[in-house]
Structures are given as structure tokens and as C-alpha cells.
N, C-alpha and C. Protein backbone atom coordinates (compact mmCIF):
# COMPACT_ATOMS: atom_id res chain seq x y z
N MET A 1 -11.79 3.61 -1.14
CA MET A 1 -10.91 2.48 -0.68
C MET A 1 -10.57 2.14 0.74
N LYS A 2 -10.84 1.21 1.41
CA LYS A 2 -10.04 1.20 2.96
C LYS A 2 -8.94 0.64 3.14
N TRP A 3 -8.28 -0.07 4.06
CA TRP A 3 -7.23 -0.78 4.64
C TRP A 3 -7.29 -2.17 3.99
N THR A 4 -8.51 -2.58 4.12
CA THR A 4 -8.91 -3.96 3.94
C THR A 4 -8.84 -4.34 2.61
N GLU A 5 -9.07 -3.29 1.38
CA GLU A 5 -8.68 -3.82 0.31
C GLU A 5 -7.42 -3.78 -0.20
N VAL A 6 -6.71 -4.80 0.45
CA VAL A 6 -5.23 -4.75 0.23
C VAL A 6 -4.72 -5.11 -1.49
N VAL A 7 -5.59 -5.83 -1.93
CA VAL A 7 -4.46 -6.28 -3.34
C VAL A 7 -5.44 -4.83 -4.01
N ARG A 8 -6.46 -4.03 -4.22
CA ARG A 8 -6.36 -2.91 -4.69
C ARG A 8 -5.52 -1.60 -4.54
N ILE A 9 -5.33 -1.89 -3.33
CA ILE A 9 -4.57 -0.73 -2.51
C ILE A 9 -2.86 -1.11 -3.41
N ALA A 10 -2.43 -2.21 -3.49
CA ALA A 10 -1.45 -2.85 -4.07
C ALA A 10 -1.12 -2.42 -5.19
N GLU A 11 -2.25 -2.64 -6.20
CA GLU A 11 -2.70 -2.29 -7.44
C GLU A 11 -2.36 -0.77 -7.84
N GLU A 12 -2.90 -0.15 -6.93
CA GLU A 12 -2.81 1.27 -7.08
C GLU A 12 -1.41 1.73 -6.91
N LEU A 13 -0.68 1.53 -5.60
CA LEU A 13 0.40 1.80 -5.44
C LEU A 13 1.47 1.50 -6.74
N ALA A 14 1.20 0.04 -7.11
CA ALA A 14 2.24 -0.11 -8.09
C ALA A 14 1.75 0.72 -9.37
N ASP A 15 0.42 0.92 -9.86
CA ASP A 15 0.57 2.08 -10.89
C ASP A 15 0.92 3.52 -10.77
N ALA A 16 0.86 4.22 -9.68
CA ALA A 16 1.61 5.51 -8.96
C ALA A 16 2.92 5.45 -8.89
N HIS A 17 3.83 4.40 -8.42
CA HIS A 17 5.05 4.76 -8.31
C HIS A 17 5.70 3.58 -9.01
N PRO A 18 5.34 3.26 -10.58
CA PRO A 18 6.30 2.05 -11.18
C PRO A 18 7.85 2.06 -11.21
N ASP A 19 8.52 2.65 -10.67
CA ASP A 19 10.19 2.65 -10.34
C ASP A 19 10.30 2.42 -9.07
N VAL A 20 9.42 2.11 -7.87
CA VAL A 20 9.74 1.69 -6.48
C VAL A 20 9.64 0.21 -6.78
N ASP A 21 10.93 -0.18 -5.92
CA ASP A 21 10.98 -1.51 -5.43
C ASP A 21 9.99 -1.92 -4.01
N PRO A 22 8.81 -2.38 -4.14
CA PRO A 22 8.51 -2.38 -2.77
C PRO A 22 8.79 -3.52 -1.69
N GLU A 23 9.82 -4.03 -2.02
CA GLU A 23 10.64 -4.94 -1.13
C GLU A 23 11.66 -3.79 -0.56
N GLN A 24 11.95 -2.95 -0.91
CA GLN A 24 12.75 -1.42 -0.25
C GLN A 24 11.95 -0.54 0.73
N ILE A 25 10.67 -0.64 0.40
CA ILE A 25 10.31 0.68 1.29
C ILE A 25 9.73 0.54 2.36
N ASN A 26 9.99 1.26 3.28
CA ASN A 26 9.66 1.24 4.67
C ASN A 26 8.21 1.47 4.95
N PHE A 27 7.94 1.09 6.41
CA PHE A 27 6.23 0.72 6.35
C PHE A 27 5.20 2.68 6.56
N VAL A 28 6.45 3.38 7.32
CA VAL A 28 6.06 4.94 7.18
C VAL A 28 5.88 5.44 6.11
N ASP A 29 7.18 4.73 5.03
CA ASP A 29 6.40 5.49 3.54
C ASP A 29 5.41 5.08 3.06
N LEU A 30 5.19 3.59 3.00
CA LEU A 30 3.96 3.13 2.77
C LEU A 30 2.51 3.55 2.88
N MET A 31 2.69 3.58 4.41
CA MET A 31 1.17 3.94 5.20
C MET A 31 1.11 5.70 4.32
N LYS A 32 2.47 6.54 4.29
CA LYS A 32 1.91 7.73 3.75
C LYS A 32 1.20 7.35 2.24
N TRP A 33 2.12 6.64 1.33
CA TRP A 33 1.72 6.57 -0.12
C TRP A 33 0.30 6.06 -0.22
N VAL A 34 -0.32 5.07 1.02
CA VAL A 34 -1.58 4.76 0.75
C VAL A 34 -2.43 5.71 1.09
N LEU A 35 -2.19 6.49 2.29
CA LEU A 35 -3.05 7.70 2.82
C LEU A 35 -3.31 9.04 1.49
N ALA A 36 -2.01 8.82 0.96
CA ALA A 36 -2.05 9.91 -0.33
C ALA A 36 -2.87 9.49 -1.44
N LEU A 37 -3.08 8.04 -1.46
CA LEU A 37 -3.97 7.63 -3.07
C LEU A 37 -5.16 8.12 -3.37
N PRO A 38 -5.34 8.87 -4.44
CA PRO A 38 -6.94 9.12 -4.84
C PRO A 38 -8.00 8.21 -4.60
N GLY A 39 -8.91 8.25 -3.71
CA GLY A 39 -10.01 7.20 -3.52
C GLY A 39 -9.89 6.52 -1.93
N PHE A 40 -8.76 6.81 -1.69
CA PHE A 40 -8.57 6.21 -0.20
C PHE A 40 -9.08 6.72 0.77
N ASP A 41 -9.94 6.43 1.53
CA ASP A 41 -11.00 7.07 2.43
C ASP A 41 -11.04 5.74 3.75
N ASP A 42 -10.20 5.95 4.43
CA ASP A 42 -9.98 5.22 5.64
C ASP A 42 -9.10 6.23 7.04
N LYS A 43 -9.02 5.83 8.19
CA LYS A 43 -8.32 6.43 9.11
C LYS A 43 -7.11 6.36 9.38
N PRO A 44 -6.04 6.61 9.46
CA PRO A 44 -4.77 5.97 9.60
C PRO A 44 -4.79 5.10 11.08
N GLU A 45 -5.24 5.43 12.23
CA GLU A 45 -5.64 4.45 13.28
C GLU A 45 -5.97 2.91 13.25
N HIS A 46 -6.50 2.92 11.61
CA HIS A 46 -6.83 1.89 11.45
C HIS A 46 -6.08 0.88 10.78
N CYS A 47 -5.17 1.29 10.72
CA CYS A 47 -4.06 0.68 9.88
C CYS A 47 -2.94 -0.03 11.04
N GLY A 48 -2.15 -1.53 11.01
CA GLY A 48 -1.28 -1.84 11.87
C GLY A 48 -0.15 -2.56 10.67
N GLU A 49 0.33 -2.88 11.49
CA GLU A 49 2.18 -3.52 10.88
C GLU A 49 1.44 -4.81 9.84
N ARG A 50 0.75 -5.41 10.32
CA ARG A 50 -0.04 -6.45 9.58
C ARG A 50 -0.57 -6.09 8.53
N ILE A 51 -1.39 -5.05 8.23
CA ILE A 51 -1.88 -4.81 6.99
C ILE A 51 -1.02 -4.36 6.03
N LEU A 52 -0.15 -3.22 6.65
CA LEU A 52 0.89 -3.07 5.87
C LEU A 52 2.04 -4.00 5.05
N GLU A 53 2.21 -5.02 5.83
CA GLU A 53 2.73 -5.86 5.44
C GLU A 53 2.25 -6.93 4.41
N ALA A 54 0.63 -6.88 4.05
CA ALA A 54 -0.03 -7.53 3.23
C ALA A 54 -0.02 -6.68 2.18
N ILE A 55 0.04 -5.34 2.32
CA ILE A 55 0.00 -4.68 1.05
C ILE A 55 1.39 -4.79 0.32
N GLN A 56 2.58 -5.12 1.07
CA GLN A 56 3.63 -4.94 0.77
C GLN A 56 3.63 -6.51 -0.25
N ALA A 57 3.11 -7.37 0.29
CA ALA A 57 3.30 -8.50 -0.54
C ALA A 57 2.63 -8.45 -1.72
N ALA A 58 1.43 -8.00 -1.31
CA ALA A 58 0.60 -7.69 -2.53
C ALA A 58 0.94 -7.00 -3.59
N TRP A 59 1.79 -5.93 -3.56
CA TRP A 59 2.63 -5.38 -3.95
C TRP A 59 3.75 -5.94 -4.73
N ILE A 60 4.37 -6.97 -4.22
CA ILE A 60 5.36 -7.34 -4.64
C ILE A 60 4.57 -8.67 -5.77
N GLU A 61 3.98 -9.16 -5.57
CA GLU A 61 3.14 -10.02 -6.09
C GLU A 61 2.64 -9.24 -7.55
N GLU A 62 2.05 -8.07 -7.49
CA GLU A 62 1.43 -7.45 -8.60
C GLU A 62 2.61 -7.01 -9.55
N ARG A 63 3.79 -6.84 -8.73
CA ARG A 63 4.99 -6.31 -9.65
C ARG A 63 5.95 -7.53 -10.62
N ASP A 64 5.51 -8.73 -9.97
CA ASP A 64 6.09 -10.05 -10.28
C ASP A 64 4.69 -10.31 -11.41
């Protein structure tokens, strides 16, 4: 899984952290959680604020 797979990452995060409100998570923690996902295989430096925003938005949509 790579940073560009925003929807898949959001689905995995929703499954891994069902009690977390994605609107309340900060980007530092979000990045750490993505990097810790099983099957995630991309470099931290390939991620930026826009990608994290997209992941957070997709996670919020997944939750709703």
C-alpha cells in the first residue's frame, strides 16, 4: 500500500482505530498510524500535508 491509496488507507485506519474520531486526530499521529498499518510500504518523505488531509477526509467519509 502506498500514500496514493488514500481510500484504502482510510478504510484500514477505520478498522484499526474504530473508537477514534478522525476529525480530532493530528497529522503527526495520523502519519505514524499510516506507517504502522500492515501492508503499508512507502517512504515517510513521500507524504505531505495534502495527502494527510485527503486521508483524513476519506476516513471521515468512511466513518459516516
